Amino acid sequence: MRGPWQATGSRGPIQLAHSGREACHAHNITGKLAVVLISTRNPLNIGAAARAVANFGFDDLRLVDPYDVAFREAVSAVGGAHVLRNARVFANVADAVSDCSLVLGTTAGQHRVPQQTVDRLESGMVAARRHLAQAQGNAGRIALLFGSEKFGLSNEDMSFCHSLIRIATSPDTPSMNLGQAVAVCLYELVRADDLDDSTGSGTSAQPIPAVTGTDAEQISRMLLEVLEQSGYTNRITAVSTEQKVRRWIRRLQISRRDAPLLLGILRQILWKFNKSP
């Protein structure tokens, strides 16, 4: 699906001015964040998102089920051609966030009623920065999810999110261009402020890393199997129950240390179910 990308544009790149402190902050977190675009259809939006990723020092762009034509024609990415070349394509959201221990979804709240708390962008990025600081030396990563241009994130997409964030836009025109939304979110993430210096300092407690998306999904699937065998779920409510369970597991923020214990308990319950006559 991917081919060689060439950066094109009628104007030269705009230089972004930032302090050395901000640049250093971005460098420290650049390998720990993935931008995930879901079902994107406009090639210009993919290119603009890739450029925004590059603008703020990141390089991990992931696409879930992109419109094939859009992906092949996404060449308008001045300064972001290397991001497009290295972009990875996934068949579903679960695979795209499998290595991420914190997943933040973006929403304008237009097309559906979210089942999770929706935080303002500033608050969500503060939480993200804290998570990244705690994950230093660990495998934890953050994923920022952006839905399709027309419909945004689906309920299924949002069920993989630990929380949702929104950019404070005008109620009359709440949705933003995809590339602009990516840029605003990444700017807020790397923006240096006094809160970064004041949080977490003065404590020697070693943070316990959260489970990755793969482990969270394994726990969700095994719990759903337990619920099905126990008769809790039924065919009519199966889809909504699956989404509720997935959201609940992510709200729990299960630590990597506790995951084996929980999986062992669920396996034992399943073994007992299967053993019973």
Protein backbone atom coordinates (compact mmCIF):
# COMPACT_ATOMS: atom_id res chain seq x y z
CA MET A 1 0.00 0.00 0.00
CA ARG A 2 2.82 2.38 0.83
CA GLY A 3 5.22 3.77 -1.68
CA PRO A 4 7.97 6.38 -1.78
CA TRP A 5 6.69 9.71 -0.50
CA GLN A 6 7.85 13.09 -1.71
CA ALA A 7 7.28 16.29 0.20
CA THR A 8 5.58 18.86 -2.01
CA GLY A 9 4.19 22.34 -1.55
CA SER A 10 4.01 25.76 -3.15
CA ARG A 11 5.51 27.52 -0.14
CA GLY A 12 8.49 26.86 2.01
CA PRO A 13 8.04 25.43 5.51
CA ILE A 14 7.06 27.77 8.31
CA GLN A 15 9.65 27.83 11.06
CA LEU A 16 8.26 27.10 14.53
CA ALA A 17 9.97 29.06 17.25
CA HIS A 18 10.37 27.39 20.60
CA SER A 19 12.68 27.51 23.56
CA GLY A 20 15.46 25.04 24.15
CA ARG A 21 13.55 23.76 27.17
CA GLU A 22 10.53 22.86 25.02
CA ALA A 23 12.74 21.18 22.43
CA CYS A 24 14.41 19.14 25.13
CA HIS A 25 11.01 18.15 26.57
CA ALA A 26 9.79 17.00 23.16
CA HIS A 27 12.98 15.03 22.62
CA ASN A 28 12.48 13.18 25.91
CA ILE A 29 9.00 11.96 24.94
CA THR A 30 9.32 11.63 21.17
CA GLY A 31 9.74 7.86 21.25
CA LYS A 32 6.82 7.30 23.60
CA LEU A 33 3.89 8.66 21.62
CA ALA A 34 1.95 7.34 18.64
CA VAL A 35 -0.57 9.32 16.60
CA VAL A 36 -3.30 7.01 15.31
CA LEU A 37 -5.59 8.04 12.44
CA ILE A 38 -8.69 5.90 11.99
CA SER A 39 -10.44 5.45 8.62
CA THR A 40 -9.00 8.65 7.15
CA ARG A 41 -10.27 9.37 3.64
CA ASN A 42 -8.64 12.64 2.55
CA PRO A 43 -4.99 12.38 1.43
CA LEU A 44 -4.40 16.04 2.31
CA ASN A 45 -5.41 15.33 5.89
CA ILE A 46 -2.99 12.42 6.15
CA GLY A 47 -0.22 14.63 4.78
CA ALA A 48 -1.08 17.49 7.13
CA ALA A 49 -1.15 15.14 10.12
CA ALA A 50 2.24 13.71 9.13
CA ARG A 51 3.68 17.21 8.91
CA ALA A 52 2.31 18.09 12.35
CA VAL A 53 3.84 14.92 13.78
CA ALA A 54 7.21 15.93 12.34
CA ASN A 55 6.83 19.59 13.41
CA PHE A 56 6.78 18.63 17.08
CA GLY A 57 9.58 16.08 16.94
CA PHE A 58 7.56 12.87 16.78
CA ASP A 59 7.74 10.16 14.13
CA ASP A 60 5.27 7.40 15.00
CA LEU A 61 2.21 7.70 12.73
CA ARG A 62 -0.22 4.79 12.58
CA LEU A 63 -3.23 4.40 10.33
CA VAL A 64 -6.17 2.08 10.97
CA ASP A 65 -8.06 0.93 7.88
CA PRO A 66 -7.26 4.03 5.80
CA TYR A 67 -9.00 4.65 2.50
CA ASP A 68 -6.49 3.11 0.11
CA VAL A 69 -6.60 5.93 -2.43
CA ALA A 70 -6.09 8.54 0.27
CA PHE A 71 -3.05 6.75 1.67
CA ARG A 72 -1.40 6.32 -1.72
CA GLU A 73 -1.99 9.96 -2.67
CA ALA A 74 -0.92 11.52 0.64
CA VAL A 75 2.10 13.40 -0.65
CA SER A 76 1.53 16.94 0.66
CA ALA A 77 3.68 16.77 3.76
CA VAL A 78 6.46 19.37 3.68
CA GLY A 79 8.97 18.25 6.27
CA GLY A 80 6.92 15.14 7.09
CA ALA A 81 7.84 12.84 4.22
CA HIS A 82 9.89 10.60 6.51
CA VAL A 83 6.88 10.22 8.82
CA LEU A 84 4.73 9.07 5.89
CA ARG A 85 7.39 6.65 4.69
CA ASN A 86 7.54 4.99 8.08
CA ALA A 87 3.79 5.09 8.82
CA ARG A 88 2.35 1.71 9.76
CA VAL A 89 -1.07 0.42 8.73
CA PHE A 90 -3.24 -1.71 11.02
CA ALA A 91 -6.46 -3.58 10.37
CA ASN A 92 -8.05 -2.57 13.68
CA VAL A 93 -7.64 -0.30 16.69
CA ALA A 94 -6.72 -3.14 19.05
CA ASP A 95 -3.59 -3.93 17.05
CA ALA A 96 -2.69 -0.26 16.59
CA VAL A 97 -2.62 0.43 20.35
CA SER A 98 -1.37 -2.97 21.51
CA ASP A 99 1.89 -1.54 22.89
CA CYS A 100 0.30 1.52 24.52
CA SER A 101 -0.50 1.78 28.23
CA LEU A 102 -2.50 5.01 27.87
CA VAL A 103 -4.90 5.69 24.99
CA LEU A 104 -6.49 9.13 24.62
CA GLY A 105 -9.29 9.64 22.12
CA THR A 106 -10.23 12.99 20.62
CA THR A 107 -13.84 14.05 20.17
CA ALA A 108 -15.90 17.12 19.39
CA GLY A 109 -18.97 15.42 20.87
CA GLN A 110 -21.10 15.99 17.78
CA HIS A 111 -22.17 12.58 16.49
CA ARG A 112 -22.55 10.46 19.63
CA VAL A 113 -22.74 10.67 23.40
CA PRO A 114 -19.42 9.52 24.91
CA GLN A 115 -19.56 6.95 27.68
CA GLN A 116 -16.29 8.17 29.21
CA THR A 117 -15.34 11.42 30.86
CA VAL A 118 -14.39 14.09 28.32
CA ASP A 119 -11.59 16.36 29.53
CA ARG A 120 -10.45 19.63 28.05
CA LEU A 121 -7.28 19.25 26.04
CA GLU A 122 -5.15 21.02 28.63
CA SER A 123 -6.16 18.64 31.42
CA GLY A 124 -5.79 15.57 29.24
CA MET A 125 -2.28 16.54 28.20
CA VAL A 126 -1.24 17.18 31.80
CA ALA A 127 -2.29 13.60 32.59
CA ALA A 128 -0.43 12.39 29.50
CA ARG A 129 2.77 14.17 30.53
CA ARG A 130 2.55 12.65 34.00
CA HIS A 131 2.05 9.21 32.50
CA LEU A 132 5.09 9.65 30.26
CA ALA A 133 7.19 10.83 33.18
CA GLN A 134 6.19 7.76 35.19
CA ALA A 135 6.84 5.46 32.24
CA GLN A 136 10.49 6.48 31.86
CA GLY A 137 12.56 3.34 31.52
CA ASN A 138 9.45 1.24 30.99
CA ALA A 139 7.74 0.10 27.80
CA GLY A 140 4.65 2.27 28.36
CA ARG A 141 3.54 4.40 25.42
CA ILE A 142 0.73 6.83 24.73
CA ALA A 143 -1.59 6.73 21.73
CA LEU A 144 -3.59 9.73 20.51
CA LEU A 145 -6.61 8.57 18.49
CA PHE A 146 -8.23 10.70 15.78
CA GLY A 147 -11.39 9.51 14.05
CA SER A 148 -12.53 9.86 10.46
CA GLU A 149 -13.19 13.31 9.05
CA LYS A 150 -16.92 12.77 8.73
CA PHE A 151 -17.89 10.76 11.80
CA GLY A 152 -15.01 10.99 14.28
CA LEU A 153 -14.37 8.09 16.64
CA SER A 154 -17.03 5.39 16.79
CA ASN A 155 -18.28 3.92 20.07
CA GLU A 156 -16.14 0.87 19.30
CA ASP A 157 -13.06 3.07 18.80
CA MET A 158 -13.72 4.96 22.04
CA SER A 159 -14.02 1.72 24.00
CA PHE A 160 -10.24 1.31 23.60
CA CYS A 161 -9.60 4.72 25.19
CA HIS A 162 -8.76 5.33 28.82
CA SER A 163 -10.23 8.81 28.48
CA LEU A 164 -11.37 11.34 25.90
CA ILE A 165 -10.15 14.87 25.26
CA ARG A 166 -11.62 17.80 23.36
CA ILE A 167 -10.22 21.04 22.04
CA ALA A 168 -12.11 24.08 23.32
CA THR A 169 -13.62 25.31 20.03
CA SER A 170 -16.68 27.44 19.31
CA PRO A 171 -20.00 25.61 19.78
CA ASP A 172 -21.07 26.94 16.39
CA THR A 173 -18.11 25.26 14.65
CA PRO A 174 -16.83 22.59 17.05
CA SER A 175 -14.95 20.29 14.68
CA MET A 176 -11.47 21.07 13.36
CA ASN A 177 -9.54 19.99 10.31
CA LEU A 178 -7.76 16.74 11.12
CA GLY A 179 -4.25 18.09 10.55
CA GLN A 180 -4.97 21.14 12.68
CA ALA A 181 -6.36 19.00 15.50
CA VAL A 182 -3.23 16.81 15.48
CA ALA A 183 -1.02 19.91 15.60
CA VAL A 184 -2.93 21.51 18.49
CA CYS A 185 -2.85 18.31 20.55
CA LEU A 186 0.87 17.75 20.01
CA TYR A 187 1.69 21.38 20.78
CA GLU A 188 -0.18 21.13 24.07
CA LEU A 189 1.66 17.90 24.89
CA VAL A 190 5.16 19.30 24.37
CA ARG A 191 4.42 22.76 25.73
CA ALA A 192 6.68 23.41 28.69
CA ASP A 193 5.00 24.87 31.75
CA ASP A 194 5.56 25.23 35.46
CA LEU A 195 3.28 22.30 36.24
CA ASP A 196 5.79 19.84 34.78
CA ASP A 197 8.39 21.04 37.28
CA SER A 198 6.04 21.04 40.27
CA THR A 199 4.38 17.63 39.83
CA GLY A 200 6.08 14.50 40.98
CA SER A 201 9.11 16.28 42.45
CA GLY A 202 9.98 15.49 46.01
CA THR A 203 8.74 11.91 45.94
CA SER A 204 10.95 8.86 45.82
CA ALA A 205 8.17 6.34 45.23
CA GLN A 206 8.77 4.24 42.15
CA PRO A 207 5.68 4.34 39.90
CA ILE A 208 4.16 1.02 38.88
CA PRO A 209 3.71 0.84 35.10
CA ALA A 210 0.23 0.20 33.70
CA VAL A 211 -0.56 -2.71 31.42
CA THR A 212 -0.15 -2.29 27.68
CA GLY A 213 -3.04 -2.39 25.24
CA THR A 214 -2.32 -6.04 24.47
CA ASP A 215 -2.64 -7.06 28.13
CA ALA A 216 -5.72 -4.90 28.67
CA GLU A 217 -7.41 -6.47 25.66
CA GLN A 218 -6.46 -9.98 26.81
CA ILE A 219 -8.03 -9.31 30.21
CA SER A 220 -11.13 -7.85 28.53
CA ARG A 221 -11.52 -10.85 26.22
CA MET A 222 -11.04 -13.37 29.00
CA LEU A 223 -13.51 -11.56 31.26
CA LEU A 224 -16.05 -11.45 28.43
CA GLU A 225 -15.63 -15.20 27.99
CA VAL A 226 -16.29 -15.70 31.70
CA LEU A 227 -19.38 -13.52 31.49
CA GLU A 228 -20.65 -15.40 28.45
CA GLN A 229 -20.20 -18.81 30.04
CA SER A 230 -21.83 -17.62 33.24
CA GLY A 231 -24.90 -16.46 31.32
CA TYR A 232 -24.40 -12.77 32.10
CA THR A 233 -24.26 -11.69 28.46
CA ASN A 234 -26.72 -12.44 25.69
CA ARG A 235 -26.79 -12.06 21.93
CA ILE A 236 -28.85 -8.85 21.99
CA THR A 237 -26.58 -6.90 24.34
CA ALA A 238 -23.26 -8.55 23.42
CA VAL A 239 -21.82 -5.57 21.52
CA SER A 240 -22.67 -2.96 24.16
CA THR A 241 -21.47 -5.25 26.94
CA GLU A 242 -18.14 -5.74 25.19
CA GLN A 243 -17.63 -2.00 24.88
CA LYS A 244 -18.61 -1.41 28.52
CA VAL A 245 -16.21 -4.10 29.75
CA ARG A 246 -13.38 -2.72 27.61
CA ARG A 247 -13.92 0.80 28.95
CA TRP A 248 -14.14 -0.47 32.52
CA ILE A 249 -10.87 -2.42 32.29
CA ARG A 250 -9.08 0.69 31.03
CA ARG A 251 -10.58 2.88 33.77
CA LEU A 252 -9.17 0.48 36.36
CA GLN A 253 -5.60 1.32 35.26
CA ILE A 254 -4.45 -2.21 36.10
CA SER A 255 -0.73 -2.35 36.78
CA ARG A 256 1.60 -4.63 34.89
CA ARG A 257 2.42 -6.29 38.19
CA ASP A 258 -1.22 -7.21 38.89
CA ALA A 259 -2.15 -8.35 35.38
CA PRO A 260 -0.79 -11.92 35.73
CA LEU A 261 -2.77 -12.40 38.94
CA LEU A 262 -6.01 -11.26 37.35
CA LEU A 263 -5.44 -13.38 34.25
CA GLY A 264 -4.70 -16.39 36.44
CA ILE A 265 -7.97 -15.90 38.34
CA LEU A 266 -9.96 -15.66 35.10
CA ARG A 267 -8.25 -18.75 33.67
CA GLN A 268 -9.12 -20.72 36.79
CA ILE A 269 -12.77 -19.64 36.53
CA LEU A 270 -12.88 -20.67 32.87
CA TRP A 271 -11.25 -24.00 33.69
CA LYS A 272 -13.91 -24.61 36.35
CA PHE A 273 -16.70 -23.74 33.89
CA ASN A 274 -15.30 -26.09 31.27
CA LYS A 275 -14.76 -28.87 33.77
CA SER A 276 -18.32 -28.78 35.08
CA PRO A 277 -20.62 -31.40 33.49
